Amino acid sequence: MSLQLNLNQNLDNYEDFYDMLSDSHNDLDDGQSRMLDAELVLLLSNHIGDLNVLRQAFALARVNVERALPR
């Protein structure tokens, strides 16, 4: 059974989440920061474990990036 990507608010505190995400990048150079992001994607993708949900998330993230930063 495949699930749908949850787009509803699901974090108790977005500010705490953003602080945690931002703090995790402190004192890293650009390459290390990109590697941290990739590591987080891999770890959280494994935790989610549903390829259908991951496909939806990757597609939506790409659309959002392309809209925010058009070529």
PDB file of N, CA and C in Angstrom:
ATOM      1  N   MET A   1       0.841  -1.175   0.000  1.00  0.00           N
ATOM      2  CA  MET A   1       0.000   0.000   0.000  1.00  0.00           C
ATOM      3  C   MET A   1       0.892   1.246   0.000  1.00  0.00           C
ATOM      4  N   SER A   2       0.686   2.104  -0.970  1.00  0.00           N
ATOM      5  CA  SER A   2       1.446   3.340  -1.043  1.00  0.00           C
ATOM      6  C   SER A   2       0.679   4.469  -0.382  1.00  0.00           C
ATOM      7  N   LEU A   3       1.403   5.321   0.278  1.00  0.00           N
ATOM      8  CA  LEU A   3       0.818   6.472   0.950  1.00  0.00           C
ATOM      9  C   LEU A   3       0.942   7.702   0.068  1.00  0.00           C
ATOM     10  N   GLN A   4       0.253   8.753   0.446  1.00  0.00           N
ATOM     11  CA  GLN A   4       0.371  10.044  -0.220  1.00  0.00           C
ATOM     12  C   GLN A   4       1.253  10.939   0.633  1.00  0.00           C
ATOM     13  N   LEU A   5       1.978  11.818  -0.019  1.00  0.00           N
ATOM     14  CA  LEU A   5       2.815  12.782   0.674  1.00  0.00           C
ATOM     15  C   LEU A   5       1.936  13.679   1.534  1.00  0.00           C
ATOM     16  N   ASN A   6       2.270  13.809   2.801  1.00  0.00           N
ATOM     17  CA  ASN A   6       1.510  14.654   3.722  1.00  0.00           C
ATOM     18  C   ASN A   6       1.951  16.102   3.542  1.00  0.00           C
ATOM     19  N   LEU A   7       1.058  16.940   3.059  1.00  0.00           N
ATOM     20  CA  LEU A   7       1.353  18.361   2.856  1.00  0.00           C
ATOM     21  C   LEU A   7       0.722  19.232   3.935  1.00  0.00           C
ATOM     22  N   ASN A   8       0.070  18.604   4.897  1.00  0.00           N
ATOM     23  CA  ASN A   8      -0.506  19.348   6.017  1.00  0.00           C
ATOM     24  C   ASN A   8       0.576  19.637   7.056  1.00  0.00           C
ATOM     25  N   GLN A   9       0.366  20.669   7.847  1.00  0.00           N
ATOM     26  CA  GLN A   9       1.317  20.983   8.908  1.00  0.00           C
ATOM     27  C   GLN A   9       1.475  19.766   9.805  1.00  0.00           C
ATOM     28  N   ASN A  10       2.719  19.340   9.982  1.00  0.00           N
ATOM     29  CA  ASN A  10       2.961  18.110  10.727  1.00  0.00           C
ATOM     30  C   ASN A  10       4.035  18.281  11.802  1.00  0.00           C
ATOM     31  N   LEU A  11       4.676  19.443  11.838  1.00  0.00           N
ATOM     32  CA  LEU A  11       5.675  19.732  12.870  1.00  0.00           C
ATOM     33  C   LEU A  11       5.024  20.565  13.957  1.00  0.00           C
ATOM     34  N   ASP A  12       5.367  20.264  15.190  1.00  0.00           N
ATOM     35  CA  ASP A  12       4.800  21.020  16.309  1.00  0.00           C
ATOM     36  C   ASP A  12       5.302  22.456  16.330  1.00  0.00           C
ATOM     37  N   ASN A  13       6.568  22.653  15.946  1.00  0.00           N
ATOM     38  CA  ASN A  13       7.155  23.982  16.038  1.00  0.00           C
ATOM     39  C   ASN A  13       8.131  24.191  14.886  1.00  0.00           C
ATOM     40  N   TYR A  14       7.669  24.906  13.864  1.00  0.00           N
ATOM     41  CA  TYR A  14       8.511  25.141  12.693  1.00  0.00           C
ATOM     42  C   TYR A  14       9.746  25.963  13.032  1.00  0.00           C
ATOM     43  N   GLU A  15       9.627  26.882  13.985  1.00  0.00           N
ATOM     44  CA  GLU A  15      10.760  27.719  14.353  1.00  0.00           C
ATOM     45  C   GLU A  15      11.877  26.875  14.968  1.00  0.00           C
ATOM     46  N   ASP A  16      11.524  25.951  15.851  1.00  0.00           N
ATOM     47  CA  ASP A  16      12.526  25.060  16.434  1.00  0.00           C
ATOM     48  C   ASP A  16      13.170  24.184  15.365  1.00  0.00           C
ATOM     49  N   PHE A  17      12.355  23.709  14.420  1.00  0.00           N
ATOM     50  CA  PHE A  17      12.890  22.903  13.322  1.00  0.00           C
ATOM     51  C   PHE A  17      13.876  23.712  12.487  1.00  0.00           C
ATOM     52  N   TYR A  18      13.492  24.929  12.123  1.00  0.00           N
ATOM     53  CA  TYR A  18      14.375  25.766  11.310  1.00  0.00           C
ATOM     54  C   TYR A  18      15.678  26.051  12.059  1.00  0.00           C
ATOM     55  N   ASP A  19      15.586  26.340  13.350  1.00  0.00           N
ATOM     56  CA  ASP A  19      16.793  26.585  14.147  1.00  0.00           C
ATOM     57  C   ASP A  19      17.699  25.353  14.150  1.00  0.00           C
ATOM     58  N   MET A  20      17.109  24.171  14.311  1.00  0.00           N
ATOM     59  CA  MET A  20      17.880  22.934  14.322  1.00  0.00           C
ATOM     60  C   MET A  20      18.552  22.720  12.970  1.00  0.00           C
ATOM     61  N   LEU A  21      17.814  22.944  11.890  1.00  0.00           N
ATOM     62  CA  LEU A  21      18.372  22.788  10.556  1.00  0.00           C
ATOM     63  C   LEU A  21      19.497  23.787  10.313  1.00  0.00           C
ATOM     64  N   SER A  22      19.265  25.028  10.665  1.00  0.00           N
ATOM     65  CA  SER A  22      20.265  26.067  10.488  1.00  0.00           C
ATOM     66  C   SER A  22      21.513  25.788  11.332  1.00  0.00           C
ATOM     67  N   ASP A  23      21.311  25.421  12.585  1.00  0.00           N
ATOM     68  CA  ASP A  23      22.438  25.134  13.489  1.00  0.00           C
ATOM     69  C   ASP A  23      23.282  23.963  12.996  1.00  0.00           C
ATOM     70  N   SER A  24      22.659  23.002  12.353  1.00  0.00           N
ATOM     71  CA  SER A  24      23.409  21.835  11.882  1.00  0.00           C
ATOM     72  C   SER A  24      24.411  22.215  10.795  1.00  0.00           C
ATOM     73  N   HIS A  25      24.221  23.370  10.159  1.00  0.00           N
ATOM     74  CA  HIS A  25      25.122  23.835   9.092  1.00  0.00           C
ATOM     75  C   HIS A  25      26.216  24.771   9.614  1.00  0.00           C
ATOM     76  N   ASN A  26      26.149  25.142  10.887  1.00  0.00           N
ATOM     77  CA  ASN A  26      27.153  26.049  11.447  1.00  0.00           C
ATOM     78  C   ASN A  26      28.559  25.475  11.281  1.00  0.00           C
ATOM     79  N   ASP A  27      29.475  26.338  10.892  1.00  0.00           N
ATOM     80  CA  ASP A  27      30.903  26.014  10.779  1.00  0.00           C
ATOM     81  C   ASP A  27      31.227  24.995   9.694  1.00  0.00           C
ATOM     82  N   LEU A  28      30.296  24.743   8.776  1.00  0.00           N
ATOM     83  CA  LEU A  28      30.578  23.869   7.642  1.00  0.00           C
ATOM     84  C   LEU A  28      30.858  24.732   6.416  1.00  0.00           C
ATOM     85  N   ASP A  29      31.766  24.275   5.552  1.00  0.00           N
ATOM     86  CA  ASP A  29      31.958  24.998   4.298  1.00  0.00           C
ATOM     87  C   ASP A  29      30.845  24.594   3.330  1.00  0.00           C
ATOM     88  N   ASP A  30      30.816  25.196   2.144  1.00  0.00           N
ATOM     89  CA  ASP A  30      29.719  24.929   1.201  1.00  0.00           C
ATOM     90  C   ASP A  30      29.618  23.456   0.825  1.00  0.00           C
ATOM     91  N   GLY A  31      30.753  22.823   0.597  1.00  0.00           N
ATOM     92  CA  GLY A  31      30.746  21.399   0.240  1.00  0.00           C
ATOM     93  C   GLY A  31      30.223  20.531   1.365  1.00  0.00           C
ATOM     94  N   GLN A  32      30.650  20.814   2.578  1.00  0.00           N
ATOM     95  CA  GLN A  32      30.171  20.054   3.731  1.00  0.00           C
ATOM     96  C   GLN A  32      28.678  20.285   3.953  1.00  0.00           C
ATOM     97  N   SER A  33      28.239  21.505   3.732  1.00  0.00           N
ATOM     98  CA  SER A  33      26.825  21.837   3.903  1.00  0.00           C
ATOM     99  C   SER A  33      25.966  21.077   2.893  1.00  0.00           C
ATOM    100  N   ARG A  34      26.419  21.018   1.639  1.00  0.00           N
ATOM    101  CA  ARG A  34      25.676  20.249   0.619  1.00  0.00           C
ATOM    102  C   ARG A  34      25.678  18.762   0.970  1.00  0.00           C
ATOM    103  N   MET A  35      26.815  18.285   1.493  1.00  0.00           N
ATOM    104  CA  MET A  35      26.897  16.877   1.878  1.00  0.00           C
ATOM    105  C   MET A  35      25.963  16.576   3.048  1.00  0.00           C
ATOM    106  N   LEU A  36      25.870  17.498   4.004  1.00  0.00           N
ATOM    107  CA  LEU A  36      24.935  17.331   5.120  1.00  0.00           C
ATOM    108  C   LEU A  36      23.502  17.234   4.602  1.00  0.00           C
ATOM    109  N   ASP A  37      23.137  18.116   3.660  1.00  0.00           N
ATOM    110  CA  ASP A  37      21.790  18.062   3.083  1.00  0.00           C
ATOM    111  C   ASP A  37      21.539  16.714   2.407  1.00  0.00           C
ATOM    112  N   ALA A  38      22.526  16.226   1.666  1.00  0.00           N
ATOM    113  CA  ALA A  38      22.380  14.932   0.998  1.00  0.00           C
ATOM    114  C   ALA A  38      22.243  13.807   2.019  1.00  0.00           C
ATOM    115  N   GLU A  39      23.034  13.856   3.074  1.00  0.00           N
ATOM    116  CA  GLU A  39      22.940  12.842   4.132  1.00  0.00           C
ATOM    117  C   GLU A  39      21.560  12.852   4.780  1.00  0.00           C
ATOM    118  N   LEU A  40      21.038  14.053   5.032  1.00  0.00           N
ATOM    119  CA  LEU A  40      19.699  14.156   5.620  1.00  0.00           C
ATOM    120  C   LEU A  40      18.646  13.568   4.693  1.00  0.00           C
ATOM    121  N   VAL A  41      18.750  13.849   3.395  1.00  0.00           N
ATOM    122  CA  VAL A  41      17.802  13.293   2.424  1.00  0.00           C
ATOM    123  C   VAL A  41      17.852  11.773   2.464  1.00  0.00           C
ATOM    124  N   LEU A  42      19.048  11.207   2.470  1.00  0.00           N
ATOM    125  CA  LEU A  42      19.176   9.745   2.481  1.00  0.00           C
ATOM    126  C   LEU A  42      18.637   9.139   3.772  1.00  0.00           C
ATOM    127  N   LEU A  43      18.988   9.728   4.912  1.00  0.00           N
ATOM    128  CA  LEU A  43      18.507   9.203   6.191  1.00  0.00           C
ATOM    129  C   LEU A  43      16.990   9.288   6.312  1.00  0.00           C
ATOM    130  N   LEU A  44      16.432  10.442   5.961  1.00  0.00           N
ATOM    131  CA  LEU A  44      14.985  10.610   6.082  1.00  0.00           C
ATOM    132  C   LEU A  44      14.225   9.799   5.029  1.00  0.00           C
ATOM    133  N   SER A  45      14.817   9.641   3.840  1.00  0.00           N
ATOM    134  CA  SER A  45      14.193   8.792   2.818  1.00  0.00           C
ATOM    135  C   SER A  45      14.124   7.348   3.286  1.00  0.00           C
ATOM    136  N   ASN A  46      15.195   6.879   3.910  1.00  0.00           N
ATOM    137  CA  ASN A  46      15.185   5.526   4.451  1.00  0.00           C
ATOM    138  C   ASN A  46      14.120   5.393   5.538  1.00  0.00           C
ATOM    139  N   HIS A  47      13.992   6.417   6.365  1.00  0.00           N
ATOM    140  CA  HIS A  47      12.988   6.394   7.428  1.00  0.00           C
ATOM    141  C   HIS A  47      11.571   6.357   6.844  1.00  0.00           C
ATOM    142  N   ILE A  48      11.326   7.142   5.806  1.00  0.00           N
ATOM    143  CA  ILE A  48      10.002   7.152   5.163  1.00  0.00           C
ATOM    144  C   ILE A  48       9.734   5.804   4.513  1.00  0.00           C
ATOM    145  N   GLY A  49      10.679   5.334   3.717  1.00  0.00           N
ATOM    146  CA  GLY A  49      10.624   3.980   3.185  1.00  0.00           C
ATOM    147  C   GLY A  49       9.621   3.703   2.085  1.00  0.00           C
ATOM    148  N   ASP A  50       8.832   4.652   1.676  1.00  0.00           N
ATOM    149  CA  ASP A  50       7.806   4.452   0.655  1.00  0.00           C
ATOM    150  C   ASP A  50       8.215   5.219  -0.600  1.00  0.00           C
ATOM    151  N   LEU A  51       8.569   4.487  -1.663  1.00  0.00           N
ATOM    152  CA  LEU A  51       9.054   5.139  -2.879  1.00  0.00           C
ATOM    153  C   LEU A  51       8.017   6.060  -3.511  1.00  0.00           C
ATOM    154  N   ASN A  52       6.749   5.735  -3.392  1.00  0.00           N
ATOM    155  CA  ASN A  52       5.712   6.603  -3.954  1.00  0.00           C
ATOM    156  C   ASN A  52       5.716   7.961  -3.248  1.00  0.00           C
ATOM    157  N   VAL A  53       5.804   7.950  -1.938  1.00  0.00           N
ATOM    158  CA  VAL A  53       5.863   9.200  -1.173  1.00  0.00           C
ATOM    159  C   VAL A  53       7.129   9.973  -1.536  1.00  0.00           C
ATOM    160  N   LEU A  54       8.242   9.270  -1.652  1.00  0.00           N
ATOM    161  CA  LEU A  54       9.497   9.932  -2.007  1.00  0.00           C
ATOM    162  C   LEU A  54       9.444  10.523  -3.410  1.00  0.00           C
ATOM    163  N   ARG A  55       8.850   9.817  -4.362  1.00  0.00           N
ATOM    164  CA  ARG A  55       8.692  10.370  -5.723  1.00  0.00           C
ATOM    165  C   ARG A  55       7.885  11.658  -5.688  1.00  0.00           C
ATOM    166  N   GLN A  56       6.798  11.655  -4.919  1.00  0.00           N
ATOM    167  CA  GLN A  56       5.976  12.855  -4.800  1.00  0.00           C
ATOM    168  C   GLN A  56       6.778  14.008  -4.199  1.00  0.00           C
ATOM    169  N   ALA A  57       7.552  13.718  -3.162  1.00  0.00           N
ATOM    170  CA  ALA A  57       8.335  14.749  -2.486  1.00  0.00           C
ATOM    171  C   ALA A  57       9.411  15.314  -3.410  1.00  0.00           C
ATOM    172  N   PHE A  58      10.134  14.445  -4.113  1.00  0.00           N
ATOM    173  CA  PHE A  58      11.173  14.907  -5.028  1.00  0.00           C
ATOM    174  C   PHE A  58      10.572  15.745  -6.154  1.00  0.00           C
ATOM    175  N   ALA A  59       9.445  15.305  -6.699  1.00  0.00           N
ATOM    176  CA  ALA A  59       8.810  16.051  -7.790  1.00  0.00           C
ATOM    177  C   ALA A  59       8.345  17.422  -7.310  1.00  0.00           C
ATOM    178  N   LEU A  60       7.715  17.475  -6.156  1.00  0.00           N
ATOM    179  CA  LEU A  60       7.228  18.749  -5.634  1.00  0.00           C
ATOM    180  C   LEU A  60       8.389  19.680  -5.295  1.00  0.00           C
ATOM    181  N   ALA A  61       9.438  19.142  -4.706  1.00  0.00           N
ATOM    182  CA  ALA A  61      10.603  19.968  -4.383  1.00  0.00           C
ATOM    183  C   ALA A  61      11.213  20.555  -5.650  1.00  0.00           C
ATOM    184  N   ARG A  62      11.300  19.771  -6.692  1.00  0.00           N
ATOM    185  CA  ARG A  62      11.868  20.271  -7.958  1.00  0.00           C
ATOM    186  C   ARG A  62      11.001  21.366  -8.551  1.00  0.00           C
ATOM    187  N   VAL A  63       9.695  21.169  -8.564  1.00  0.00           N
ATOM    188  CA  VAL A  63       8.782  22.194  -9.075  1.00  0.00           C
ATOM    189  C   VAL A  63       8.941  23.482  -8.271  1.00  0.00           C
ATOM    190  N   ASN A  64       9.002  23.370  -6.955  1.00  0.00           N
ATOM    191  CA  ASN A  64       9.147  24.553  -6.105  1.00  0.00           C
ATOM    192  C   ASN A  64      10.453  25.290  -6.378  1.00  0.00           C
ATOM    193  N   VAL A  65      11.552  24.551  -6.575  1.00  0.00           N
ATOM    194  CA  VAL A  65      12.836  25.181  -6.875  1.00  0.00           C
ATOM    195  C   VAL A  65      12.797  25.864  -8.229  1.00  0.00           C
ATOM    196  N   GLU A  66      12.238  25.171  -9.222  1.00  0.00           N
ATOM    197  CA  GLU A  66      12.178  25.762 -10.564  1.00  0.00           C
ATOM    198  C   GLU A  66      11.305  27.003 -10.603  1.00  0.00           C
ATOM    199  N   ARG A  67      10.251  27.032  -9.819  1.00  0.00           N
ATOM    200  CA  ARG A  67       9.396  28.227  -9.749  1.00  0.00           C
ATOM    201  C   ARG A  67      10.091  29.367  -9.015  1.00  0.00           C
ATOM    202  N   ALA A  68      10.820  29.038  -7.955  1.00  0.00           N
ATOM    203  CA  ALA A  68      11.471  30.066  -7.148  1.00  0.00           C
ATOM    204  C   ALA A  68      12.699  30.640  -7.854  1.00  0.00           C
ATOM    205  N   LEU A  69      13.404  29.787  -8.580  1.00  0.00           N
ATOM    206  CA  LEU A  69      14.641  30.211  -9.235  1.00  0.00           C
ATOM    207  C   LEU A  69      14.616  29.785 -10.706  1.00  0.00           C
ATOM    208  N   PRO A  70      13.777  30.446 -11.505  1.00  0.00           N
ATOM    209  CA  PRO A  70      13.709  30.062 -12.922  1.00  0.00           C
ATOM    210  C   PRO A  70      15.026  30.353 -13.628  1.00  0.00           C
ATOM    211  N   ARG A  71      15.285  29.591 -14.662  1.00  0.00           N
ATOM    212  CA  ARG A  71      16.522  29.782 -15.441  1.00  0.00           C
ATOM    213  C   ARG A  71      16.414  30.974 -16.328  1.00  0.00           C
TER     214      ARG A  71
END
